[in-house]
Amino acid sequence: MEAVRQQIAALKEAIDRNPRNFDALVQLGNLYMDAAKYPQAIDYYERALAVSENPDVRVDLGICYKQSGQLDKALAAFRKAGAEAPNQWQPMFNAAIVLGEMQRFDEARALIGELKKIRPNDPEVQRLEAALKSR
């Protein structure tokens, strides 16, 4: 735990020296996300995205929004990440999960249909599809 505290302190110092240090901002976001400290992670991810757009960081931001109950923001983040990186399946998968949680089942099922074209044998996609079928 002490090593993590030291890492956080070093990253914060790097950001103090250069508030636009994308890598340090993302690393802090990752550390806070891993610790389930979603408000802090959101802050650092948003700051990183203000420096440079990155669909992977936007997906992580969406996950943090979802975990903190901000489903509309999570969905928007996943959709934007998907538009930025149309070949990635994770934004679409996460958007389908959020749509299910929002009880927007038809939209979620439509995304699952798209996902099945990209990843026809993916067990995670199959599990999500099965969960949505009963809705």
C-alpha atoms as a PDB file:
ATOM      1  CA  MET A   1       0.000   0.000   0.000  1.00  0.00           C
ATOM      2  CA  GLU A   2       2.872   2.345   0.750  1.00  0.00           C
ATOM      3  CA  ALA A   3       4.233   1.798  -2.755  1.00  0.00           C
ATOM      4  CA  VAL A   4       0.893   2.896  -4.218  1.00  0.00           C
ATOM      5  CA  ARG A   5       0.880   6.012  -2.043  1.00  0.00           C
ATOM      6  CA  GLN A   6       4.380   6.848  -3.238  1.00  0.00           C
ATOM      7  CA  GLN A   7       3.347   6.274  -6.839  1.00  0.00           C
ATOM      8  CA  ILE A   8       0.332   8.559  -6.411  1.00  0.00           C
ATOM      9  CA  ALA A   9       2.499  11.238  -4.812  1.00  0.00           C
ATOM     10  CA  ALA A  10       5.045  11.037  -7.635  1.00  0.00           C
ATOM     11  CA  LEU A  11       2.322  11.263 -10.276  1.00  0.00           C
ATOM     12  CA  LYS A  12       0.718  14.242  -8.551  1.00  0.00           C
ATOM     13  CA  GLU A  13       4.111  15.953  -8.444  1.00  0.00           C
ATOM     14  CA  ALA A  14       4.509  15.310 -12.167  1.00  0.00           C
ATOM     15  CA  ILE A  15       1.101  16.893 -12.766  1.00  0.00           C
ATOM     16  CA  ASP A  16       2.004  19.851 -10.565  1.00  0.00           C
ATOM     17  CA  ARG A  17       5.035  20.400 -12.806  1.00  0.00           C
ATOM     18  CA  ASN A  18       2.992  19.889 -15.980  1.00  0.00           C
ATOM     19  CA  PRO A  19      -0.808  19.903 -15.615  1.00  0.00           C
ATOM     20  CA  ARG A  20      -1.093  18.595 -19.189  1.00  0.00           C
ATOM     21  CA  ASN A  21       0.935  15.443 -18.507  1.00  0.00           C
ATOM     22  CA  PHE A  22      -1.403  12.998 -20.230  1.00  0.00           C
ATOM     23  CA  ASP A  23       0.364   9.843 -19.073  1.00  0.00           C
ATOM     24  CA  ALA A  24       0.437  10.902 -15.421  1.00  0.00           C
ATOM     25  CA  LEU A  25      -3.234  11.914 -15.537  1.00  0.00           C
ATOM     26  CA  VAL A  26      -4.216   8.560 -17.026  1.00  0.00           C
ATOM     27  CA  GLN A  27      -2.071   6.614 -14.568  1.00  0.00           C
ATOM     28  CA  LEU A  28      -3.696   8.419 -11.648  1.00  0.00           C
ATOM     29  CA  GLY A  29      -7.110   7.718 -13.129  1.00  0.00           C
ATOM     30  CA  ASN A  30      -6.188   4.049 -13.424  1.00  0.00           C
ATOM     31  CA  LEU A  31      -4.950   3.860  -9.838  1.00  0.00           C
ATOM     32  CA  TYR A  32      -8.110   5.458  -8.502  1.00  0.00           C
ATOM     33  CA  MET A  33     -10.320   3.292 -10.711  1.00  0.00           C
ATOM     34  CA  ASP A  34      -8.543   0.157  -9.489  1.00  0.00           C
ATOM     35  CA  ALA A  35      -9.175   1.318  -5.921  1.00  0.00           C
ATOM     36  CA  ALA A  36     -12.880   1.919  -6.722  1.00  0.00           C
ATOM     37  CA  LYS A  37     -12.448   5.634  -6.032  1.00  0.00           C
ATOM     38  CA  TYR A  38     -14.539   6.579  -9.020  1.00  0.00           C
ATOM     39  CA  PRO A  39     -14.994  10.330  -8.428  1.00  0.00           C
ATOM     40  CA  GLN A  40     -11.213  10.793  -8.299  1.00  0.00           C
ATOM     41  CA  ALA A  41     -10.720   8.550 -11.329  1.00  0.00           C
ATOM     42  CA  ILE A  42     -13.346  10.522 -13.254  1.00  0.00           C
ATOM     43  CA  ASP A  43     -11.549  13.763 -12.447  1.00  0.00           C
ATOM     44  CA  TYR A  44      -8.201  12.521 -13.742  1.00  0.00           C
ATOM     45  CA  TYR A  45      -9.660  10.830 -16.820  1.00  0.00           C
ATOM     46  CA  GLU A  46     -11.593  13.974 -17.746  1.00  0.00           C
ATOM     47  CA  ARG A  47      -8.445  16.038 -17.332  1.00  0.00           C
ATOM     48  CA  ALA A  48      -6.483  13.585 -19.489  1.00  0.00           C
ATOM     49  CA  LEU A  49      -9.123  13.692 -22.215  1.00  0.00           C
ATOM     50  CA  ALA A  50      -8.967  17.490 -22.176  1.00  0.00           C
ATOM     51  CA  VAL A  51      -5.293  17.109 -23.097  1.00  0.00           C
ATOM     52  CA  SER A  52      -5.680  14.389 -25.721  1.00  0.00           C
ATOM     53  CA  GLU A  53      -8.593  12.353 -26.994  1.00  0.00           C
ATOM     54  CA  ASN A  54      -8.163   8.624 -26.436  1.00  0.00           C
ATOM     55  CA  PRO A  55     -10.930   6.029 -26.849  1.00  0.00           C
ATOM     56  CA  ASP A  56      -9.408   3.640 -24.301  1.00  0.00           C
ATOM     57  CA  VAL A  57      -9.344   6.355 -21.650  1.00  0.00           C
ATOM     58  CA  ARG A  58     -12.896   7.317 -22.612  1.00  0.00           C
ATOM     59  CA  VAL A  59     -14.014   3.701 -22.061  1.00  0.00           C
ATOM     60  CA  ASP A  60     -12.411   3.748 -18.612  1.00  0.00           C
ATOM     61  CA  LEU A  61     -14.164   7.048 -17.916  1.00  0.00           C
ATOM     62  CA  GLY A  62     -17.450   5.454 -18.959  1.00  0.00           C
ATOM     63  CA  ILE A  63     -16.855   2.536 -16.611  1.00  0.00           C
ATOM     64  CA  CYS A  64     -16.245   4.962 -13.749  1.00  0.00           C
ATOM     65  CA  TYR A  65     -19.418   6.857 -14.594  1.00  0.00           C
ATOM     66  CA  LYS A  66     -21.338   3.572 -14.644  1.00  0.00           C
ATOM     67  CA  GLN A  67     -19.883   2.442 -11.340  1.00  0.00           C
ATOM     68  CA  SER A  68     -20.815   5.767  -9.761  1.00  0.00           C
ATOM     69  CA  GLY A  69     -24.397   5.550 -11.034  1.00  0.00           C
ATOM     70  CA  GLN A  70     -24.097   8.169 -13.772  1.00  0.00           C
ATOM     71  CA  LEU A  71     -25.596   6.002 -16.492  1.00  0.00           C
ATOM     72  CA  ASP A  72     -26.365   8.783 -18.985  1.00  0.00           C
ATOM     73  CA  LYS A  73     -22.768   9.989 -18.852  1.00  0.00           C
ATOM     74  CA  ALA A  74     -21.504   6.410 -19.081  1.00  0.00           C
ATOM     75  CA  LEU A  75     -23.572   5.759 -22.184  1.00  0.00           C
ATOM     76  CA  ALA A  76     -22.381   8.994 -23.783  1.00  0.00           C
ATOM     77  CA  ALA A  77     -18.758   8.087 -23.039  1.00  0.00           C
ATOM     78  CA  PHE A  78     -19.121   4.607 -24.531  1.00  0.00           C
ATOM     79  CA  ARG A  79     -20.847   5.952 -27.629  1.00  0.00           C
ATOM     80  CA  LYS A  80     -18.168   8.579 -28.157  1.00  0.00           C
ATOM     81  CA  ALA A  81     -15.405   6.002 -27.675  1.00  0.00           C
ATOM     82  CA  GLY A  82     -17.143   3.735 -30.180  1.00  0.00           C
ATOM     83  CA  ALA A  83     -17.342   6.544 -32.717  1.00  0.00           C
ATOM     84  CA  GLU A  84     -13.651   7.318 -32.209  1.00  0.00           C
ATOM     85  CA  ALA A  85     -12.600   3.671 -32.505  1.00  0.00           C
ATOM     86  CA  PRO A  86     -15.231   1.843 -34.560  1.00  0.00           C
ATOM     87  CA  ASN A  87     -13.112  -1.321 -34.724  1.00  0.00           C
ATOM     88  CA  GLN A  88     -13.147  -1.757 -30.950  1.00  0.00           C
ATOM     89  CA  TRP A  89     -15.914  -3.869 -29.492  1.00  0.00           C
ATOM     90  CA  GLN A  90     -15.582  -2.835 -25.831  1.00  0.00           C
ATOM     91  CA  PRO A  91     -17.422   0.493 -26.116  1.00  0.00           C
ATOM     92  CA  MET A  92     -20.381  -1.221 -27.781  1.00  0.00           C
ATOM     93  CA  PHE A  93     -20.387  -4.033 -25.217  1.00  0.00           C
ATOM     94  CA  ASN A  94     -20.320  -1.593 -22.313  1.00  0.00           C
ATOM     95  CA  ALA A  95     -23.011   0.557 -23.915  1.00  0.00           C
ATOM     96  CA  ALA A  96     -25.240  -2.523 -24.181  1.00  0.00           C
ATOM     97  CA  ILE A  97     -24.739  -3.234 -20.475  1.00  0.00           C
ATOM     98  CA  VAL A  98     -25.626   0.339 -19.554  1.00  0.00           C
ATOM     99  CA  LEU A  99     -28.672   0.327 -21.819  1.00  0.00           C
ATOM    100  CA  GLY A 100     -29.825  -2.834 -20.064  1.00  0.00           C
ATOM    101  CA  GLU A 101     -29.390  -1.177 -16.685  1.00  0.00           C
ATOM    102  CA  MET A 102     -31.392   1.773 -17.999  1.00  0.00           C
ATOM    103  CA  GLN A 103     -34.099  -0.717 -19.042  1.00  0.00           C
ATOM    104  CA  ARG A 104     -33.690   0.278 -22.674  1.00  0.00           C
ATOM    105  CA  PHE A 105     -33.726  -3.359 -23.682  1.00  0.00           C
ATOM    106  CA  ASP A 106     -34.521  -2.992 -27.384  1.00  0.00           C
ATOM    107  CA  GLU A 107     -31.522  -0.705 -27.868  1.00  0.00           C
ATOM    108  CA  ALA A 108     -29.326  -3.059 -25.850  1.00  0.00           C
ATOM    109  CA  ARG A 109     -30.439  -6.054 -27.917  1.00  0.00           C
ATOM    110  CA  ALA A 110     -29.722  -4.136 -31.130  1.00  0.00           C
ATOM    111  CA  LEU A 111     -26.157  -3.531 -29.946  1.00  0.00           C
ATOM    112  CA  ILE A 112     -25.812  -7.201 -29.053  1.00  0.00           C
ATOM    113  CA  GLY A 113     -26.823  -8.019 -32.621  1.00  0.00           C
ATOM    114  CA  GLU A 114     -24.002  -5.803 -33.873  1.00  0.00           C
ATOM    115  CA  LEU A 115     -21.569  -7.316 -31.381  1.00  0.00           C
ATOM    116  CA  LYS A 116     -22.422 -10.834 -32.515  1.00  0.00           C
ATOM    117  CA  LYS A 117     -21.325  -9.894 -36.039  1.00  0.00           C
ATOM    118  CA  ILE A 118     -17.954  -8.758 -34.714  1.00  0.00           C
ATOM    119  CA  ARG A 119     -17.476 -11.429 -32.027  1.00  0.00           C
ATOM    120  CA  PRO A 120     -19.791 -14.319 -32.905  1.00  0.00           C
ATOM    121  CA  ASN A 121     -18.313 -16.815 -30.450  1.00  0.00           C
ATOM    122  CA  ASP A 122     -17.512 -14.512 -27.552  1.00  0.00           C
ATOM    123  CA  PRO A 123     -18.887 -16.040 -24.328  1.00  0.00           C
ATOM    124  CA  GLU A 124     -19.297 -12.606 -22.715  1.00  0.00           C
ATOM    125  CA  VAL A 125     -21.460 -11.439 -25.603  1.00  0.00           C
ATOM    126  CA  GLN A 126     -23.456 -14.663 -25.403  1.00  0.00           C
ATOM    127  CA  ARG A 127     -24.002 -14.216 -21.642  1.00  0.00           C
ATOM    128  CA  LEU A 128     -25.142 -10.645 -22.112  1.00  0.00           C
ATOM    129  CA  GLU A 129     -27.483 -11.709 -24.903  1.00  0.00           C
ATOM    130  CA  ALA A 130     -28.970 -14.420 -22.677  1.00  0.00           C
ATOM    131  CA  ALA A 131     -29.451 -11.953 -19.831  1.00  0.00           C
ATOM    132  CA  LEU A 132     -31.247  -9.528 -22.131  1.00  0.00           C
ATOM    133  CA  LYS A 133     -33.490 -12.186 -23.702  1.00  0.00           C
ATOM    134  CA  SER A 134     -35.437 -12.515 -20.486  1.00  0.00           C
ATOM    135  CA  ARG A 135     -36.175  -8.783 -20.468  1.00  0.00           C
END
